[in-house]
Amino acid sequence: MQSLRHQRVRELLKRKIGEVIRREIPVAEAALITVTDVGLSGDLKSATVFVGIIGNADQQRKGIESLKKERLRIQGLVGRAVVLKYTPRLRFALDDSVERGNRVLAIIEEIERSLPPS
């Protein structure tokens, strides 16, 4: 189980990284990007930022590419906003949990339609 400090740092990073992305990455270029979660290492020196990108496959690809290209600048802005001994090294990963959830719901709905009424 994570310590209270670890959880608080994760939530703080999630909020600040989201603010920086909303401010710095243009929506027209990369669709709508939201930070869904932050995975933080035990020593707080590296963080995996899970992002959801609303848009088609091309917009998602451009969005994750622009995040990876702007990683150092985003990391620097977050480092100035969040006071920690070490600013975590950010790594961006596409979070497809919403799409997987929608697919599971569609499968359940299809099964329910194929069952005879009771």
Protein backbone atom coordinates (compact mmCIF):
# COMPACT_ATOMS: atom_id res chain seq x y z
CA MET A 1 0.00 0.00 0.00
CA GLN A 2 1.23 3.47 -0.86
CA SER A 3 2.01 5.99 1.83
CA LEU A 4 -0.16 9.04 2.26
CA ARG A 5 2.68 11.25 1.00
CA HIS A 6 3.07 9.12 -2.13
CA GLN A 7 -0.67 9.38 -2.87
CA ARG A 8 -0.68 13.14 -2.29
CA VAL A 9 2.32 13.66 -4.60
CA ARG A 10 0.63 11.52 -7.31
CA GLU A 11 -2.56 13.60 -7.13
CA LEU A 12 -0.64 16.87 -7.09
CA LEU A 13 1.40 15.82 -10.14
CA LYS A 14 -1.74 14.65 -11.94
CA ARG A 15 -3.41 18.02 -11.41
CA LYS A 16 -0.36 20.14 -12.30
CA ILE A 17 0.61 18.11 -15.37
CA GLY A 18 -2.98 18.38 -16.59
CA GLU A 19 -2.91 22.15 -16.15
CA VAL A 20 0.39 22.46 -18.02
CA ILE A 21 -0.83 20.27 -20.89
CA ARG A 22 -4.07 22.26 -21.21
CA ARG A 23 -2.07 25.50 -21.27
CA GLU A 24 0.84 24.45 -23.50
CA ILE A 25 -0.47 21.88 -26.02
CA PRO A 26 -2.90 23.41 -28.57
CA VAL A 27 -6.16 21.48 -28.95
CA ALA A 28 -6.21 22.01 -32.73
CA GLU A 29 -2.86 20.25 -33.02
CA ALA A 30 -3.47 17.22 -30.82
CA ALA A 31 -7.18 16.93 -29.97
CA LEU A 32 -8.29 17.00 -26.33
CA ILE A 33 -5.72 15.54 -23.92
CA THR A 34 -6.61 14.62 -20.34
CA VAL A 35 -4.39 13.17 -17.63
CA THR A 36 -6.15 10.09 -16.27
CA ASP A 37 -3.53 8.85 -13.81
CA VAL A 38 0.09 9.16 -12.74
CA GLY A 39 2.18 6.14 -11.83
CA LEU A 40 4.98 7.22 -9.52
CA SER A 41 8.08 5.24 -8.63
CA GLY A 42 8.84 4.55 -4.99
CA ASP A 43 11.73 7.04 -4.90
CA LEU A 44 9.58 9.72 -6.63
CA LYS A 45 12.23 10.20 -9.36
CA SER A 46 10.18 8.93 -12.31
CA ALA A 47 6.54 9.10 -13.24
CA THR A 48 4.44 7.51 -15.94
CA VAL A 49 1.68 9.88 -17.00
CA PHE A 50 -1.35 8.09 -18.42
CA VAL A 51 -3.25 10.31 -20.83
CA GLY A 52 -6.57 9.93 -22.58
CA ILE A 53 -6.78 11.59 -25.98
CA ILE A 54 -10.21 12.27 -27.38
CA GLY A 55 -10.13 12.16 -31.15
CA ASN A 56 -9.53 9.81 -34.06
CA ALA A 57 -6.48 7.55 -34.35
CA ASP A 58 -4.45 10.18 -36.23
CA GLN A 59 -5.18 12.82 -33.58
CA GLN A 60 -4.23 10.36 -30.83
CA ARG A 61 -0.93 9.60 -32.56
CA LYS A 62 -0.19 13.31 -33.02
CA GLY A 63 -1.16 13.99 -29.41
CA ILE A 64 1.17 11.39 -27.90
CA GLU A 65 3.97 12.49 -30.26
CA SER A 66 3.61 16.14 -29.23
CA LEU A 67 3.65 15.14 -25.55
CA LYS A 68 6.82 13.12 -26.03
CA LYS A 69 8.40 15.96 -28.02
CA GLU A 70 7.49 18.55 -25.34
CA ARG A 71 8.36 16.25 -22.39
CA LEU A 72 11.32 18.27 -21.13
CA ARG A 73 9.47 21.57 -21.31
CA ILE A 74 6.43 20.10 -19.54
CA GLN A 75 8.72 18.55 -16.94
CA GLY A 76 10.41 21.92 -16.35
CA LEU A 77 7.11 23.77 -15.95
CA VAL A 78 5.82 21.12 -13.54
CA GLY A 79 9.11 21.32 -11.62
CA ARG A 80 8.61 25.05 -11.10
CA ALA A 81 4.99 24.57 -10.00
CA VAL A 82 5.54 21.60 -7.65
CA VAL A 83 8.20 21.90 -4.96
CA LEU A 84 9.89 18.51 -4.55
CA LYS A 85 13.49 17.53 -3.87
CA TYR A 86 13.62 15.89 -7.32
CA THR A 87 11.32 16.65 -10.23
CA PRO A 88 10.18 13.26 -11.53
CA ARG A 89 11.28 12.27 -15.03
CA LEU A 90 8.03 12.12 -16.98
CA ARG A 91 7.07 9.38 -19.43
CA PHE A 92 3.78 9.57 -21.32
CA ALA A 93 1.61 6.55 -22.09
CA LEU A 94 -1.74 6.39 -23.86
CA ASP A 95 -4.51 5.18 -21.54
CA ASP A 96 -7.04 3.18 -23.52
CA SER A 97 -9.12 2.05 -20.54
CA VAL A 98 -12.14 4.10 -21.65
CA GLU A 99 -12.11 2.46 -25.07
CA ARG A 100 -11.73 -1.00 -23.52
CA GLY A 101 -14.61 -0.27 -21.13
CA ASN A 102 -16.82 0.84 -24.02
CA ARG A 103 -15.94 -2.34 -25.91
CA VAL A 104 -16.87 -4.51 -22.90
CA LEU A 105 -20.19 -2.66 -22.55
CA ALA A 106 -20.92 -3.17 -26.25
CA ILE A 107 -20.22 -6.92 -25.92
CA ILE A 108 -22.52 -7.20 -22.89
CA GLU A 109 -25.23 -5.29 -24.73
CA GLU A 110 -24.87 -7.60 -27.75
CA ILE A 111 -25.14 -10.71 -25.53
CA GLU A 112 -28.25 -9.29 -23.82
CA ARG A 113 -29.88 -8.66 -27.21
CA SER A 114 -29.13 -12.20 -28.39
CA LEU A 115 -30.72 -13.82 -25.33
CA PRO A 116 -34.39 -14.73 -25.60
CA PRO A 117 -36.68 -12.54 -23.49
CA SER A 118 -37.54 -14.09 -20.14
